Amino acid sequence: MAAVFDDKFLIVSSDGSIELKSEYISRLGSGDFIHNDIEIEDNSAIVEGNTAVVSGKGKFTVTIKGNKVSLRLSYIEVFSRKDPRDSWKVLARKASILDK
């Protein structure tokens, strides 16, 4: 997973907490936070040069410290690449809770 995220990656979770790449990778590796299932309801992308913005809504089923929960979230993700020949990397992600 580390290769998917830009070195400057940050995530702003639905509870407002902010994690940097190393913190997020560590949390995923610990087993305290597991993405069980993602059902995308709506998704769109805007690409401008070496930057892409993806936004959408979906149902995210996750396990947090042993508790499985399903949340409807809206999200926005920013992808970047240094050169058109490079792979896209996730630079930033933000999620917000929608109605349940």
N, C-alpha and C. Protein backbone atom coordinates (compact mmCIF):
# COMPACT_ATOMS: atom_id res chain seq x y z
N MET A 1 0.81 -1.21 0.00
CA MET A 1 0.00 0.00 0.00
C MET A 1 0.85 1.27 0.00
N ALA A 2 2.03 1.21 0.58
CA ALA A 2 2.85 2.41 0.68
C ALA A 2 3.14 3.03 -0.68
N ALA A 3 3.23 2.20 -1.72
CA ALA A 3 3.53 2.70 -3.06
C ALA A 3 2.37 3.47 -3.68
N VAL A 4 1.16 3.26 -3.18
CA VAL A 4 -0.04 3.92 -3.71
C VAL A 4 -0.12 5.37 -3.23
N PHE A 5 0.43 5.65 -2.06
CA PHE A 5 0.33 6.97 -1.44
C PHE A 5 1.58 7.80 -1.72
N ASP A 6 1.37 9.06 -2.05
CA ASP A 6 2.47 10.01 -2.20
C ASP A 6 3.15 10.18 -0.84
N ASP A 7 4.43 10.52 -0.84
CA ASP A 7 5.14 10.72 0.42
C ASP A 7 4.52 11.84 1.26
N LYS A 8 3.84 12.79 0.61
CA LYS A 8 3.19 13.90 1.32
C LYS A 8 1.73 13.62 1.66
N PHE A 9 1.27 12.38 1.46
CA PHE A 9 -0.13 12.00 1.67
C PHE A 9 -0.62 12.39 3.06
N LEU A 10 -1.87 12.84 3.10
CA LEU A 10 -2.57 13.04 4.36
C LEU A 10 -4.03 12.68 4.17
N ILE A 11 -4.63 12.21 5.25
CA ILE A 11 -6.04 11.85 5.23
C ILE A 11 -6.74 12.60 6.35
N VAL A 12 -7.89 13.17 6.02
CA VAL A 12 -8.75 13.81 7.01
C VAL A 12 -9.97 12.91 7.12
N SER A 13 -10.10 12.21 8.24
CA SER A 13 -11.17 11.25 8.44
C SER A 13 -12.49 11.95 8.75
N SER A 14 -13.56 11.16 8.72
CA SER A 14 -14.90 11.72 8.95
C SER A 14 -15.04 12.30 10.35
N ASP A 15 -14.19 11.88 11.30
CA ASP A 15 -14.24 12.45 12.65
C ASP A 15 -13.36 13.69 12.81
N GLY A 16 -12.71 14.11 11.70
CA GLY A 16 -11.88 15.31 11.72
C GLY A 16 -10.42 15.07 12.03
N SER A 17 -10.07 13.82 12.37
CA SER A 17 -8.66 13.54 12.66
C SER A 17 -7.84 13.56 11.38
N ILE A 18 -6.58 13.92 11.52
CA ILE A 18 -5.66 14.02 10.38
C ILE A 18 -4.50 13.06 10.61
N GLU A 19 -4.20 12.27 9.59
CA GLU A 19 -3.07 11.35 9.66
C GLU A 19 -2.17 11.56 8.44
N LEU A 20 -0.89 11.43 8.65
CA LEU A 20 0.07 11.46 7.56
C LEU A 20 0.27 10.04 7.04
N LYS A 21 0.99 9.91 5.95
CA LYS A 21 1.19 8.61 5.31
C LYS A 21 1.67 7.54 6.29
N SER A 22 2.73 7.82 7.02
CA SER A 22 3.29 6.81 7.93
C SER A 22 2.29 6.38 8.99
N GLU A 23 1.51 7.32 9.50
CA GLU A 23 0.51 7.00 10.53
C GLU A 23 -0.61 6.14 9.96
N TYR A 24 -1.08 6.48 8.76
CA TYR A 24 -2.17 5.74 8.14
C TYR A 24 -1.73 4.32 7.78
N ILE A 25 -0.54 4.18 7.20
CA ILE A 25 -0.01 2.86 6.85
C ILE A 25 0.16 2.02 8.11
N SER A 26 0.64 2.62 9.18
CA SER A 26 0.81 1.93 10.44
C SER A 26 -0.54 1.44 10.99
N ARG A 27 -1.56 2.30 10.91
CA ARG A 27 -2.89 1.92 11.42
C ARG A 27 -3.47 0.77 10.60
N LEU A 28 -3.30 0.82 9.28
CA LEU A 28 -3.79 -0.28 8.44
C LEU A 28 -3.06 -1.58 8.76
N GLY A 29 -1.75 -1.48 8.97
CA GLY A 29 -0.95 -2.67 9.27
C GLY A 29 -1.21 -3.26 10.64
N SER A 30 -1.71 -2.46 11.57
CA SER A 30 -1.94 -2.92 12.94
C SER A 30 -3.15 -3.84 13.06
N GLY A 31 -4.06 -3.78 12.08
CA GLY A 31 -5.29 -4.55 12.16
C GLY A 31 -6.38 -3.86 12.94
N ASP A 32 -6.09 -2.68 13.52
CA ASP A 32 -7.10 -1.92 14.26
C ASP A 32 -8.12 -1.26 13.32
N PHE A 33 -7.75 -1.13 12.04
CA PHE A 33 -8.64 -0.50 11.07
C PHE A 33 -8.60 -1.32 9.78
N ILE A 34 -9.73 -1.93 9.42
CA ILE A 34 -9.80 -2.80 8.26
C ILE A 34 -10.91 -2.32 7.34
N HIS A 35 -10.59 -2.14 6.06
CA HIS A 35 -11.60 -1.86 5.05
C HIS A 35 -12.20 -3.20 4.63
N ASN A 36 -13.46 -3.46 5.02
CA ASN A 36 -14.09 -4.74 4.67
C ASN A 36 -14.74 -4.70 3.29
N ASP A 37 -15.45 -3.60 3.00
CA ASP A 37 -16.19 -3.52 1.74
C ASP A 37 -16.47 -2.06 1.42
N ILE A 38 -16.43 -1.75 0.13
CA ILE A 38 -16.77 -0.41 -0.33
C ILE A 38 -17.73 -0.56 -1.49
N GLU A 39 -18.92 0.05 -1.37
CA GLU A 39 -19.91 0.06 -2.43
C GLU A 39 -20.06 1.50 -2.92
N ILE A 40 -19.50 1.79 -4.09
CA ILE A 40 -19.54 3.15 -4.63
C ILE A 40 -20.93 3.41 -5.22
N GLU A 41 -21.54 4.53 -4.81
CA GLU A 41 -22.86 4.93 -5.31
C GLU A 41 -22.74 5.95 -6.44
N ASP A 42 -21.74 6.80 -6.33
CA ASP A 42 -21.55 7.89 -7.28
C ASP A 42 -20.06 8.20 -7.30
N ASN A 43 -19.52 8.48 -8.49
CA ASN A 43 -18.10 8.72 -8.59
C ASN A 43 -17.83 9.57 -9.83
N SER A 44 -16.99 10.58 -9.70
CA SER A 44 -16.60 11.37 -10.87
C SER A 44 -15.16 11.83 -10.69
N ALA A 45 -14.52 12.15 -11.82
CA ALA A 45 -13.12 12.56 -11.78
C ALA A 45 -12.90 13.76 -12.68
N ILE A 46 -11.99 14.61 -12.25
CA ILE A 46 -11.52 15.75 -13.05
C ILE A 46 -10.01 15.60 -13.14
N VAL A 47 -9.49 15.62 -14.35
CA VAL A 47 -8.04 15.51 -14.55
C VAL A 47 -7.55 16.79 -15.21
N GLU A 48 -6.54 17.38 -14.61
CA GLU A 48 -5.92 18.59 -15.14
C GLU A 48 -4.42 18.41 -15.04
N GLY A 49 -3.79 18.17 -16.17
CA GLY A 49 -2.35 17.96 -16.17
C GLY A 49 -1.97 16.74 -15.36
N ASN A 50 -1.13 16.94 -14.36
CA ASN A 50 -0.66 15.85 -13.52
C ASN A 50 -1.38 15.79 -12.17
N THR A 51 -2.60 16.33 -12.15
CA THR A 51 -3.43 16.30 -10.95
C THR A 51 -4.81 15.77 -11.31
N ALA A 52 -5.35 14.91 -10.47
CA ALA A 52 -6.70 14.40 -10.66
C ALA A 52 -7.45 14.50 -9.34
N VAL A 53 -8.72 14.88 -9.42
CA VAL A 53 -9.58 14.96 -8.25
C VAL A 53 -10.74 14.00 -8.48
N VAL A 54 -10.93 13.08 -7.54
CA VAL A 54 -12.01 12.10 -7.61
C VAL A 54 -12.94 12.37 -6.44
N SER A 55 -14.23 12.46 -6.72
CA SER A 55 -15.20 12.67 -5.65
C SER A 55 -16.36 11.71 -5.84
N GLY A 56 -17.04 11.41 -4.74
CA GLY A 56 -18.16 10.51 -4.84
C GLY A 56 -18.80 10.23 -3.49
N LYS A 57 -19.70 9.24 -3.52
CA LYS A 57 -20.41 8.80 -2.32
C LYS A 57 -20.43 7.27 -2.34
N GLY A 58 -20.51 6.70 -1.15
CA GLY A 58 -20.59 5.25 -1.09
C GLY A 58 -20.83 4.76 0.32
N LYS A 59 -21.05 3.44 0.39
CA LYS A 59 -21.21 2.79 1.68
C LYS A 59 -19.89 2.07 1.98
N PHE A 60 -19.29 2.42 3.09
CA PHE A 60 -18.00 1.88 3.50
C PHE A 60 -18.21 1.03 4.75
N THR A 61 -17.87 -0.24 4.65
CA THR A 61 -17.95 -1.13 5.79
C THR A 61 -16.52 -1.35 6.28
N VAL A 62 -16.29 -0.98 7.53
CA VAL A 62 -14.95 -1.06 8.12
C VAL A 62 -15.03 -1.72 9.49
N THR A 63 -13.91 -2.26 9.91
CA THR A 63 -13.80 -2.78 11.28
C THR A 63 -12.79 -1.90 12.00
N ILE A 64 -13.25 -1.29 13.10
CA ILE A 64 -12.41 -0.40 13.90
C ILE A 64 -12.27 -1.02 15.28
N LYS A 65 -11.06 -1.45 15.60
CA LYS A 65 -10.76 -2.08 16.89
C LYS A 65 -11.77 -3.19 17.21
N GLY A 66 -12.05 -4.02 16.22
CA GLY A 66 -12.93 -5.17 16.40
C GLY A 66 -14.41 -4.91 16.19
N ASN A 67 -14.81 -3.66 16.03
CA ASN A 67 -16.22 -3.31 15.83
C ASN A 67 -16.47 -3.03 14.36
N LYS A 68 -17.35 -3.83 13.73
CA LYS A 68 -17.67 -3.65 12.33
C LYS A 68 -18.81 -2.63 12.20
N VAL A 69 -18.60 -1.61 11.36
CA VAL A 69 -19.61 -0.58 11.14
C VAL A 69 -19.72 -0.28 9.65
N SER A 70 -20.91 0.15 9.25
CA SER A 70 -21.14 0.60 7.88
C SER A 70 -21.51 2.07 7.92
N LEU A 71 -20.86 2.85 7.08
CA LEU A 71 -21.09 4.29 7.03
C LEU A 71 -21.32 4.72 5.59
N ARG A 72 -22.25 5.65 5.40
CA ARG A 72 -22.39 6.29 4.09
C ARG A 72 -21.53 7.54 4.15
N LEU A 73 -20.58 7.61 3.23
CA LEU A 73 -19.63 8.72 3.22
C LEU A 73 -19.61 9.40 1.86
N SER A 74 -19.35 10.69 1.89
CA SER A 74 -18.92 11.38 0.67
C SER A 74 -17.41 11.51 0.82
N TYR A 75 -16.72 11.56 -0.32
CA TYR A 75 -15.27 11.61 -0.24
C TYR A 75 -14.72 12.43 -1.39
N ILE A 76 -13.52 12.91 -1.19
CA ILE A 76 -12.76 13.56 -2.23
C ILE A 76 -11.32 13.08 -2.08
N GLU A 77 -10.72 12.71 -3.20
CA GLU A 77 -9.35 12.25 -3.21
C GLU A 77 -8.58 13.05 -4.26
N VAL A 78 -7.37 13.41 -3.93
CA VAL A 78 -6.51 14.13 -4.87
C VAL A 78 -5.35 13.20 -5.23
N PHE A 79 -5.16 13.02 -6.52
CA PHE A 79 -4.07 12.19 -7.04
C PHE A 79 -3.09 13.10 -7.76
N SER A 80 -1.82 12.71 -7.75
CA SER A 80 -0.83 13.50 -8.47
C SER A 80 0.21 12.55 -9.07
N ARG A 81 0.95 13.09 -10.01
CA ARG A 81 2.10 12.39 -10.57
C ARG A 81 3.09 13.44 -11.01
N LYS A 82 4.33 13.14 -10.86
CA LYS A 82 5.38 14.11 -11.21
C LYS A 82 5.53 14.27 -12.71
N ASP A 83 5.28 13.18 -13.44
CA ASP A 83 5.51 13.12 -14.88
C ASP A 83 4.40 12.25 -15.49
N PRO A 84 3.94 12.54 -16.70
CA PRO A 84 2.89 11.71 -17.32
C PRO A 84 3.25 10.23 -17.44
N ARG A 85 4.52 9.89 -17.39
CA ARG A 85 4.93 8.48 -17.45
C ARG A 85 4.87 7.80 -16.09
N ASP A 86 4.73 8.58 -15.02
CA ASP A 86 4.70 8.04 -13.65
C ASP A 86 3.32 7.50 -13.31
N SER A 87 3.28 6.66 -12.30
CA SER A 87 2.01 6.16 -11.76
C SER A 87 1.35 7.26 -10.93
N TRP A 88 0.01 7.24 -10.91
CA TRP A 88 -0.73 8.16 -10.05
C TRP A 88 -0.53 7.73 -8.60
N LYS A 89 -0.42 8.73 -7.72
CA LYS A 89 -0.30 8.48 -6.28
C LYS A 89 -1.37 9.31 -5.57
N VAL A 90 -1.91 8.76 -4.50
CA VAL A 90 -2.91 9.49 -3.71
C VAL A 90 -2.17 10.51 -2.86
N LEU A 91 -2.54 11.77 -3.03
CA LEU A 91 -1.90 12.86 -2.28
C LEU A 91 -2.72 13.22 -1.04
N ALA A 92 -4.06 13.20 -1.17
CA ALA A 92 -4.91 13.58 -0.05
C ALA A 92 -6.27 12.92 -0.18
N ARG A 93 -6.88 12.69 0.97
CA ARG A 93 -8.23 12.09 1.01
C ARG A 93 -9.00 12.73 2.16
N LYS A 94 -10.27 13.02 1.92
CA LYS A 94 -11.17 13.57 2.94
C LYS A 94 -12.50 12.87 2.83
N ALA A 95 -13.04 12.46 3.96
CA ALA A 95 -14.36 11.79 4.00
C ALA A 95 -15.27 12.53 4.97
N SER A 96 -16.57 12.53 4.64
CA SER A 96 -17.59 13.12 5.50
C SER A 96 -18.76 12.16 5.61
N ILE A 97 -19.31 12.02 6.79
CA ILE A 97 -20.44 11.13 7.02
C ILE A 97 -21.71 11.74 6.45
N LEU A 98 -22.46 10.93 5.69
CA LEU A 98 -23.77 11.30 5.18
C LEU A 98 -24.82 10.70 6.09
N ASP A 99 -26.08 10.84 5.75
CA ASP A 99 -27.14 10.22 6.54
C ASP A 99 -26.92 8.71 6.60
N LYS A 100 -27.41 8.10 7.62
CA LYS A 100 -27.18 6.65 7.81
C LYS A 100 -28.23 5.83 7.15
